[in-house]
């Protein structure tokens, strides 16, 4: 029967089993065909329809199995993509964290380096300023020595006469406080070149300064004299410090009495 050729071995095994054939699993295709044809339950029309039903059921199961495999593959693909996306996001997050950490360390190292450079620069500047001040002090000391040496000696009877005006710069004059000051510090003025100068009715000890352009007296000596004007004067110390002070001018005569 030609219709038996449409079925697979598995289809013939099912059909032979339903027809009462025993031990169908050990039979070959041709043996299954002969067993079906020789079965007492064989009916050509019935067997034809039955075989068609068996074949359709098998194909239906195959389609279902195929659809299930495809569904699982799609699920596996979606899950695999989801894991890959999670891994990508996590990897990117770690890279960003690592980058931020490297940048933070670089910023710290740069700030520390800059701070050290600023400290070193400030220290060099401080040492340079100290060296410059020391050099100026030494030059000023030598200049004062030269001024004293070039000023010549003087006696108590020597009096200098000047027609120049006087100023009130009491801020520059040392004031002695018997309760707190050391008198020896004020007596050190004797180490400079000292001469006797008469201003009005007062005889003063004056120091010689060959670089002075004006004469300076204490404010109390001219407190009762009318000043001729008020100006400003810039004072520069031997250490390079400067200050702008008020300047009061007077027309008085310094003579020998």
C-alpha atoms as a PDB file:
ATOM      1  CA  UNK A   1       0.000   0.000   0.000  1.00  0.00           C
ATOM      2  CA  UNK A   2       1.520   3.258  -1.210  1.00  0.00           C
ATOM      3  CA  UNK A   3      -0.048   5.447   1.504  1.00  0.00           C
ATOM      4  CA  UNK A   4       2.133   3.744   4.129  1.00  0.00           C
ATOM      5  CA  UNK A   5       5.148   5.364   2.450  1.00  0.00           C
ATOM      6  CA  UNK A   6       4.008   8.853   3.578  1.00  0.00           C
ATOM      7  CA  UNK A   7       4.698   8.168   7.209  1.00  0.00           C
ATOM      8  CA  UNK A   8       7.976   8.108   9.091  1.00  0.00           C
ATOM      9  CA  UNK A   9       9.179   5.095  11.040  1.00  0.00           C
ATOM     10  CA  UNK A  10       7.831   6.668  14.216  1.00  0.00           C
ATOM     11  CA  UNK A  11       4.412   7.082  12.561  1.00  0.00           C
ATOM     12  CA  UNK A  12       4.361   3.430  11.481  1.00  0.00           C
ATOM     13  CA  UNK A  13       5.417   2.335  14.980  1.00  0.00           C
ATOM     14  CA  UNK A  14       2.449   4.187  16.492  1.00  0.00           C
ATOM     15  CA  UNK A  15       0.055   2.758  13.912  1.00  0.00           C
ATOM     16  CA  UNK A  16       1.383  -0.807  14.322  1.00  0.00           C
ATOM     17  CA  UNK A  17       1.087  -0.535  18.113  1.00  0.00           C
ATOM     18  CA  UNK A  18      -2.551   0.596  17.821  1.00  0.00           C
ATOM     19  CA  UNK A  19      -3.199  -2.422  15.512  1.00  0.00           C
ATOM     20  CA  UNK A  20      -1.834  -4.869  18.098  1.00  0.00           C
ATOM     21  CA  UNK A  21       1.618  -5.539  16.610  1.00  0.00           C
ATOM     22  CA  UNK A  22       4.110  -6.442  19.344  1.00  0.00           C
ATOM     23  CA  UNK A  23       7.739  -5.403  19.808  1.00  0.00           C
ATOM     24  CA  UNK A  24       7.452  -2.607  17.227  1.00  0.00           C
ATOM     25  CA  UNK A  25      10.640  -0.845  18.426  1.00  0.00           C
ATOM     26  CA  UNK A  26      12.825  -3.698  17.158  1.00  0.00           C
ATOM     27  CA  UNK A  27      11.239  -3.812  13.697  1.00  0.00           C
ATOM     28  CA  UNK A  28      12.622  -2.024  10.649  1.00  0.00           C
ATOM     29  CA  UNK A  29      10.486   0.139   8.306  1.00  0.00           C
ATOM     30  CA  UNK A  30       9.775  -2.691   5.845  1.00  0.00           C
ATOM     31  CA  UNK A  31       9.039  -5.088   8.673  1.00  0.00           C
ATOM     32  CA  UNK A  32       6.614  -2.562  10.184  1.00  0.00           C
ATOM     33  CA  UNK A  33       4.880  -2.214   6.770  1.00  0.00           C
ATOM     34  CA  UNK A  34       4.481  -6.000   6.430  1.00  0.00           C
ATOM     35  CA  UNK A  35       3.291  -6.313  10.018  1.00  0.00           C
ATOM     36  CA  UNK A  36       0.600  -3.662   9.431  1.00  0.00           C
ATOM     37  CA  UNK A  37      -0.574  -5.207   6.126  1.00  0.00           C
ATOM     38  CA  UNK A  38      -0.673  -8.711   7.617  1.00  0.00           C
ATOM     39  CA  UNK A  39      -2.492  -7.600  10.758  1.00  0.00           C
ATOM     40  CA  UNK A  40      -5.976  -9.052  11.177  1.00  0.00           C
ATOM     41  CA  UNK A  41      -7.136  -5.534  12.120  1.00  0.00           C
ATOM     42  CA  UNK A  42      -5.921  -4.004   8.873  1.00  0.00           C
ATOM     43  CA  UNK A  43      -8.493  -1.978   6.921  1.00  0.00           C
ATOM     44  CA  UNK A  44      -7.077   0.041   4.071  1.00  0.00           C
ATOM     45  CA  UNK A  45      -9.367   3.077   4.313  1.00  0.00           C
ATOM     46  CA  UNK A  46      -9.256   3.227   8.081  1.00  0.00           C
ATOM     47  CA  UNK A  47      -5.503   2.754   8.178  1.00  0.00           C
ATOM     48  CA  UNK A  48      -5.091   5.498   5.547  1.00  0.00           C
ATOM     49  CA  UNK A  49      -7.033   8.025   7.670  1.00  0.00           C
ATOM     50  CA  UNK A  50      -5.402   6.861  10.855  1.00  0.00           C
ATOM     51  CA  UNK A  51      -1.928   7.318   9.399  1.00  0.00           C
ATOM     52  CA  UNK A  52      -2.865  10.827   8.207  1.00  0.00           C
ATOM     53  CA  UNK A  53      -4.024  11.644  11.736  1.00  0.00           C
ATOM     54  CA  UNK A  54      -0.790  10.289  13.245  1.00  0.00           C
ATOM     55  CA  UNK A  55       1.281  12.312  10.760  1.00  0.00           C
ATOM     56  CA  UNK A  56      -0.690  15.534  11.486  1.00  0.00           C
ATOM     57  CA  UNK A  57      -0.331  15.069  15.214  1.00  0.00           C
ATOM     58  CA  UNK A  58       3.427  14.535  14.829  1.00  0.00           C
ATOM     59  CA  UNK A  59       3.770  17.648  12.690  1.00  0.00           C
ATOM     60  CA  UNK A  60       1.709  19.586  15.204  1.00  0.00           C
ATOM     61  CA  UNK A  61       4.012  18.470  18.021  1.00  0.00           C
ATOM     62  CA  UNK A  62       7.060  19.381  15.916  1.00  0.00           C
ATOM     63  CA  UNK A  63       5.655  22.857  15.249  1.00  0.00           C
ATOM     64  CA  UNK A  64       4.934  23.309  18.934  1.00  0.00           C
ATOM     65  CA  UNK A  65       8.418  22.129  19.845  1.00  0.00           C
ATOM     66  CA  UNK A  66       9.889  24.476  17.239  1.00  0.00           C
ATOM     67  CA  UNK A  67       7.830  27.381  18.539  1.00  0.00           C
ATOM     68  CA  UNK A  68       8.877  26.576  22.112  1.00  0.00           C
ATOM     69  CA  UNK A  69      12.539  26.408  21.158  1.00  0.00           C
ATOM     70  CA  UNK A  70      12.198  29.695  19.290  1.00  0.00           C
ATOM     71  CA  UNK A  71      10.472  31.284  22.290  1.00  0.00           C
ATOM     72  CA  UNK A  72      13.228  30.074  24.620  1.00  0.00           C
ATOM     73  CA  UNK A  73      15.878  31.326  22.227  1.00  0.00           C
ATOM     74  CA  UNK A  74      14.206  34.729  22.141  1.00  0.00           C
ATOM     75  CA  UNK A  75      13.985  34.763  25.932  1.00  0.00           C
ATOM     76  CA  UNK A  76      17.634  33.744  26.174  1.00  0.00           C
ATOM     77  CA  UNK A  77      18.579  36.466  23.670  1.00  0.00           C
ATOM     78  CA  UNK A  78      16.669  39.134  25.610  1.00  0.00           C
ATOM     79  CA  UNK A  79      18.213  37.982  28.880  1.00  0.00           C
ATOM     80  CA  UNK A  80      21.678  37.922  27.339  1.00  0.00           C
ATOM     81  CA  UNK A  81      21.214  41.462  25.989  1.00  0.00           C
ATOM     82  CA  UNK A  82      19.916  42.621  29.369  1.00  0.00           C
ATOM     83  CA  UNK A  83      22.980  41.189  31.119  1.00  0.00           C
ATOM     84  CA  UNK A  84      25.271  42.735  28.519  1.00  0.00           C
ATOM     85  CA  UNK A  85      23.619  46.128  29.039  1.00  0.00           C
ATOM     86  CA  UNK A  86      23.943  45.785  32.808  1.00  0.00           C
ATOM     87  CA  UNK A  87      27.599  44.807  32.452  1.00  0.00           C
ATOM     88  CA  UNK A  88      28.188  47.731  30.066  1.00  0.00           C
ATOM     89  CA  UNK A  89      26.546  50.218  32.429  1.00  0.00           C
ATOM     90  CA  UNK A  90      28.491  48.820  35.385  1.00  0.00           C
ATOM     91  CA  UNK A  91      31.749  48.880  33.450  1.00  0.00           C
ATOM     92  CA  UNK A  92      31.096  52.476  32.359  1.00  0.00           C
ATOM     93  CA  UNK A  93      30.235  53.467  35.932  1.00  0.00           C
ATOM     94  CA  UNK A  94      33.492  51.962  37.222  1.00  0.00           C
ATOM     95  CA  UNK A  95      35.445  53.719  34.471  1.00  0.00           C
ATOM     96  CA  UNK A  96      33.844  57.039  35.436  1.00  0.00           C
ATOM     97  CA  UNK A  97      34.633  56.411  39.107  1.00  0.00           C
ATOM     98  CA  UNK A  98      38.236  55.508  38.246  1.00  0.00           C
ATOM     99  CA  UNK A  99      38.531  58.605  36.046  1.00  0.00           C
ATOM    100  CA  UNK A 100      37.115  60.847  38.776  1.00  0.00           C
ATOM    101  CA  UNK A 101      39.477  59.299  41.336  1.00  0.00           C
ATOM    102  CA  UNK A 102      42.490  59.794  39.074  1.00  0.00           C
ATOM    103  CA  UNK A 103      41.450  63.406  38.460  1.00  0.00           C
ATOM    104  CA  UNK A 104      40.979  63.962  42.195  1.00  0.00           C
ATOM    105  CA  UNK A 105      44.458  62.591  42.928  1.00  0.00           C
ATOM    106  CA  UNK A 106      45.950  64.676  40.114  1.00  0.00           C
ATOM    107  CA  UNK A 107      44.232  67.790  41.491  1.00  0.00           C
ATOM    108  CA  UNK A 108      45.555  67.032  44.980  1.00  0.00           C
ATOM    109  CA  UNK A 109      49.065  66.437  43.640  1.00  0.00           C
ATOM    110  CA  UNK A 110      48.894  69.646  41.581  1.00  0.00           C
ATOM    111  CA  UNK A 111      47.627  71.674  44.557  1.00  0.00           C
ATOM    112  CA  UNK A 112      50.319  70.200  46.803  1.00  0.00           C
ATOM    113  CA  UNK A 113      53.002  70.902  44.224  1.00  0.00           C
ATOM    114  CA  UNK A 114      51.753  74.471  43.771  1.00  0.00           C
ATOM    115  CA  UNK A 115      51.626  74.974  47.549  1.00  0.00           C
ATOM    116  CA  UNK A 116      55.219  73.754  47.924  1.00  0.00           C
ATOM    117  CA  UNK A 117      56.345  75.999  45.086  1.00  0.00           C
ATOM    118  CA  UNK A 118      54.620  78.980  46.728  1.00  0.00           C
ATOM    119  CA  UNK A 119      56.241  78.145  50.067  1.00  0.00           C
ATOM    120  CA  UNK A 120      59.648  77.784  48.431  1.00  0.00           C
ATOM    121  CA  UNK A 121      59.152  81.043  46.519  1.00  0.00           C
ATOM    122  CA  UNK A 122      58.076  82.871  49.692  1.00  0.00           C
ATOM    123  CA  UNK A 123      61.080  81.463  51.560  1.00  0.00           C
ATOM    124  CA  UNK A 124      63.469  82.515  48.794  1.00  0.00           C
ATOM    125  CA  UNK A 125      61.878  85.963  48.753  1.00  0.00           C
ATOM    126  CA  UNK A 126      62.169  86.228  52.534  1.00  0.00           C
ATOM    127  CA  UNK A 127      65.840  85.236  52.445  1.00  0.00           C
ATOM    128  CA  UNK A 128      66.481  87.678  49.612  1.00  0.00           C
ATOM    129  CA  UNK A 129      64.784  90.460  51.571  1.00  0.00           C
ATOM    130  CA  UNK A 130      66.816  89.597  54.662  1.00  0.00           C
ATOM    131  CA  UNK A 131      69.978  89.620  52.603  1.00  0.00           C
ATOM    132  CA  UNK A 132      69.026  92.945  51.015  1.00  0.00           C
ATOM    133  CA  UNK A 133      68.205  94.470  54.388  1.00  0.00           C
ATOM    134  CA  UNK A 134      71.485  93.205  55.800  1.00  0.00           C
ATOM    135  CA  UNK A 135      73.320  94.722  52.855  1.00  0.00           C
ATOM    136  CA  UNK A 136      71.535  98.065  53.321  1.00  0.00           C
ATOM    137  CA  UNK A 137      72.246  98.020  57.054  1.00  0.00           C
ATOM    138  CA  UNK A 138      75.920  97.419  56.394  1.00  0.00           C
ATOM    139  CA  UNK A 139      75.998 100.203  53.796  1.00  0.00           C
ATOM    140  CA  UNK A 140      74.176 102.555  56.160  1.00  0.00           C
ATOM    141  CA  UNK A 141      76.556 101.687  58.980  1.00  0.00           C
ATOM    142  CA  UNK A 142      79.565 102.404  56.793  1.00  0.00           C
ATOM    143  CA  UNK A 143      77.935 105.632  55.574  1.00  0.00           C
ATOM    144  CA  UNK A 144      77.341 106.805  59.137  1.00  0.00           C
ATOM    145  CA  UNK A 145      80.960 106.043  59.990  1.00  0.00           C
ATOM    146  CA  UNK A 146      82.112 108.104  57.022  1.00  0.00           C
ATOM    147  CA  UNK A 147      79.817 110.972  57.991  1.00  0.00           C
ATOM    148  CA  UNK A 148      81.187 111.020  61.521  1.00  0.00           C
ATOM    149  CA  UNK A 149      84.768 110.802  60.272  1.00  0.00           C
ATOM    150  CA  UNK A 150      84.241 113.634  57.777  1.00  0.00           C
ATOM    151  CA  UNK A 151      82.316 115.818  60.254  1.00  0.00           C
ATOM    152  CA  UNK A 152      85.390 116.732  62.306  1.00  0.00           C
ATOM    153  CA  UNK A 153      85.713 117.263  66.088  1.00  0.00           C
ATOM    154  CA  UNK A 154      83.815 119.835  68.088  1.00  0.00           C
ATOM    155  CA  UNK A 155      83.966 121.333  71.587  1.00  0.00           C
ATOM    156  CA  UNK A 156      81.317 122.472  74.003  1.00  0.00           C
ATOM    157  CA  UNK A 157      81.901 126.116  72.908  1.00  0.00           C
ATOM    158  CA  UNK A 158      81.282 125.376  69.259  1.00  0.00           C
ATOM    159  CA  UNK A 159      78.003 126.797  68.022  1.00  0.00           C
ATOM    160  CA  UNK A 160      76.498 126.360  64.557  1.00  0.00           C
ATOM    161  CA  UNK A 161      74.505 129.238  63.066  1.00  0.00           C
ATOM    162  CA  UNK A 162      71.820 128.547  60.506  1.00  0.00           C
ATOM    163  CA  UNK A 163      69.258 130.693  58.817  1.00  0.00           C
ATOM    164  CA  UNK A 164      67.322 127.666  57.638  1.00  0.00           C
ATOM    165  CA  UNK A 165      63.779 127.068  58.843  1.00  0.00           C
ATOM    166  CA  UNK A 166      62.980 124.413  61.464  1.00  0.00           C
ATOM    167  CA  UNK A 167      60.284 121.687  61.494  1.00  0.00           C
ATOM    168  CA  UNK A 168      58.273 119.927  64.148  1.00  0.00           C
ATOM    169  CA  UNK A 169      58.871 116.174  63.750  1.00  0.00           C
ATOM    170  CA  UNK A 170      58.330 115.082  67.333  1.00  0.00           C
ATOM    171  CA  UNK A 171      57.322 111.628  66.164  1.00  0.00           C
ATOM    172  CA  UNK A 172      60.925 110.984  65.219  1.00  0.00           C
ATOM    173  CA  UNK A 173      62.371 112.282  68.508  1.00  0.00           C
ATOM    174  CA  UNK A 174      62.936 109.658  71.230  1.00  0.00           C
ATOM    175  CA  UNK A 175      61.051 110.268  74.463  1.00  0.00           C
ATOM    176  CA  UNK A 176      62.531 109.051  77.728  1.00  0.00           C
ATOM    177  CA  UNK A 177      60.263 107.458  80.337  1.00  0.00           C
ATOM    178  CA  UNK A 178      62.075 107.081  83.642  1.00  0.00           C
ATOM    179  CA  UNK A 179      59.736 104.291  84.729  1.00  0.00           C
ATOM    180  CA  UNK A 180      60.177 101.999  81.764  1.00  0.00           C
ATOM    181  CA  UNK A 181      63.100 103.156  79.588  1.00  0.00           C
ATOM    182  CA  UNK A 182      66.791 102.398  79.933  1.00  0.00           C
ATOM    183  CA  UNK A 183      68.750 105.640  80.195  1.00  0.00           C
ATOM    184  CA  UNK A 184      71.791 103.945  78.649  1.00  0.00           C
ATOM    185  CA  UNK A 185      69.935 103.664  75.358  1.00  0.00           C
ATOM    186  CA  UNK A 186      69.456 107.429  75.260  1.00  0.00           C
ATOM    187  CA  UNK A 187      73.063 108.062  76.256  1.00  0.00           C
ATOM    188  CA  UNK A 188      74.269 106.202  73.173  1.00  0.00           C
ATOM    189  CA  UNK A 189      73.833 109.438  71.252  1.00  0.00           C
ATOM    190  CA  UNK A 190      77.310 110.357  72.571  1.00  0.00           C
ATOM    191  CA  UNK A 191      78.736 107.756  70.215  1.00  0.00           C
ATOM    192  CA  UNK A 192      77.717 110.021  67.297  1.00  0.00           C
ATOM    193  CA  UNK A 193      79.422 113.310  66.507  1.00  0.00           C
ATOM    194  CA  UNK A 194      77.842 115.784  68.997  1.00  0.00           C
ATOM    195  CA  UNK A 195      78.151 119.592  68.999  1.00  0.00           C
ATOM    196  CA  UNK A 196      76.629 122.330  71.146  1.00  0.00           C
ATOM    197  CA  UNK A 197      73.866 124.292  69.408  1.00  0.00           C
ATOM    198  CA  UNK A 198      71.980 127.283  70.860  1.00  0.00           C
ATOM    199  CA  UNK A 199      68.385 127.626  69.767  1.00  0.00           C
ATOM    200  CA  UNK A 200      66.702 130.722  71.197  1.00  0.00           C
ATOM    201  CA  UNK A 201      67.641 130.620  74.894  1.00  0.00           C
ATOM    202  CA  UNK A 202      68.339 126.888  75.052  1.00  0.00           C
ATOM    203  CA  UNK A 203      71.687 125.166  74.448  1.00  0.00           C
ATOM    204  CA  UNK A 204      71.207 121.694  72.933  1.00  0.00           C
ATOM    205  CA  UNK A 205      73.326 118.691  72.010  1.00  0.00           C
ATOM    206  CA  UNK A 206      73.101 118.326  68.245  1.00  0.00           C
ATOM    207  CA  UNK A 207      74.266 115.456  66.052  1.00  0.00           C
ATOM    208  CA  UNK A 208      76.105 116.023  62.807  1.00  0.00           C
ATOM    209  CA  UNK A 209      74.475 114.618  59.653  1.00  0.00           C
ATOM    210  CA  UNK A 210      76.209 115.687  56.472  1.00  0.00           C
ATOM    211  CA  UNK A 211      73.262 114.450  54.404  1.00  0.00           C
ATOM    212  CA  UNK A 212      70.598 116.540  56.193  1.00  0.00           C
ATOM    213  CA  UNK A 213      68.823 119.221  54.168  1.00  0.00           C
ATOM    214  CA  UNK A 214      66.882 120.786  57.054  1.00  0.00           C
ATOM    215  CA  UNK A 215      67.379 121.298  60.809  1.00  0.00           C
ATOM    216  CA  UNK A 216      65.118 119.485  63.253  1.00  0.00           C
ATOM    217  CA  UNK A 217      64.197 120.662  66.774  1.00  0.00           C
ATOM    218  CA  UNK A 218      61.814 119.413  69.440  1.00  0.00           C
ATOM    219  CA  UNK A 219      58.241 120.646  69.291  1.00  0.00           C
ATOM    220  CA  UNK A 220      58.350 122.130  72.809  1.00  0.00           C
ATOM    221  CA  UNK A 221      61.069 124.616  71.764  1.00  0.00           C
ATOM    222  CA  UNK A 222      58.832 126.307  69.233  1.00  0.00           C
ATOM    223  CA  UNK A 223      55.431 125.849  70.848  1.00  0.00           C
ATOM    224  CA  UNK A 224      55.091 129.625  71.517  1.00  0.00           C
ATOM    225  CA  UNK A 225      56.312 130.705  68.074  1.00  0.00           C
ATOM    226  CA  UNK A 226      53.934 131.200  65.182  1.00  0.00           C
ATOM    227  CA  UNK A 227      54.662 128.810  62.321  1.00  0.00           C
ATOM    228  CA  UNK A 228      55.096 130.080  58.777  1.00  0.00           C
ATOM    229  CA  UNK A 229      53.254 127.180  57.177  1.00  0.00           C
ATOM    230  CA  UNK A 230      52.317 123.509  57.230  1.00  0.00           C
ATOM    231  CA  UNK A 231      53.326 120.944  54.612  1.00  0.00           C
ATOM    232  CA  UNK A 232      54.011 117.219  54.273  1.00  0.00           C
ATOM    233  CA  UNK A 233      57.370 115.443  54.329  1.00  0.00           C
ATOM    234  CA  UNK A 234      58.269 111.871  53.443  1.00  0.00           C
ATOM    235  CA  UNK A 235      60.655 110.236  55.933  1.00  0.00           C
ATOM    236  CA  UNK A 236      62.697 107.186  54.963  1.00  0.00           C
ATOM    237  CA  UNK A 237      64.541 105.171  57.619  1.00  0.00           C
ATOM    238  CA  UNK A 238      67.816 103.348  57.211  1.00  0.00           C
ATOM    239  CA  UNK A 239      65.833 100.119  56.938  1.00  0.00           C
ATOM    240  CA  UNK A 240      63.896 101.307  53.912  1.00  0.00           C
ATOM    241  CA  UNK A 241      60.640 102.001  55.819  1.00  0.00           C
ATOM    242  CA  UNK A 242      58.880 105.235  54.900  1.00  0.00           C
ATOM    243  CA  UNK A 243      56.208 107.469  56.429  1.00  0.00           C
ATOM    244  CA  UNK A 244      54.526 110.714  55.413  1.00  0.00           C
ATOM    245  CA  UNK A 245      54.529 113.158  58.377  1.00  0.00           C
ATOM    246  CA  UNK A 246      53.249 116.718  58.928  1.00  0.00           C
ATOM    247  CA  UNK A 247      55.834 119.503  58.485  1.00  0.00           C
ATOM    248  CA  UNK A 248      55.620 122.819  60.386  1.00  0.00           C
ATOM    249  CA  UNK A 249      58.065 125.552  59.389  1.00  0.00           C
ATOM    250  CA  UNK A 250      59.436 128.400  61.521  1.00  0.00           C
ATOM    251  CA  UNK A 251      61.750 131.344  60.938  1.00  0.00           C
ATOM    252  CA  UNK A 252      64.178 131.214  63.882  1.00  0.00           C
ATOM    253  CA  UNK A 253      67.903 131.761  64.112  1.00  0.00           C
ATOM    254  CA  UNK A 254      70.426 129.396  65.619  1.00  0.00           C
ATOM    255  CA  UNK A 255      73.502 131.252  66.898  1.00  0.00           C
ATOM    256  CA  UNK A 256      76.178 131.169  69.572  1.00  0.00           C
ATOM    257  CA  UNK A 257      74.381 133.478  71.990  1.00  0.00           C
END
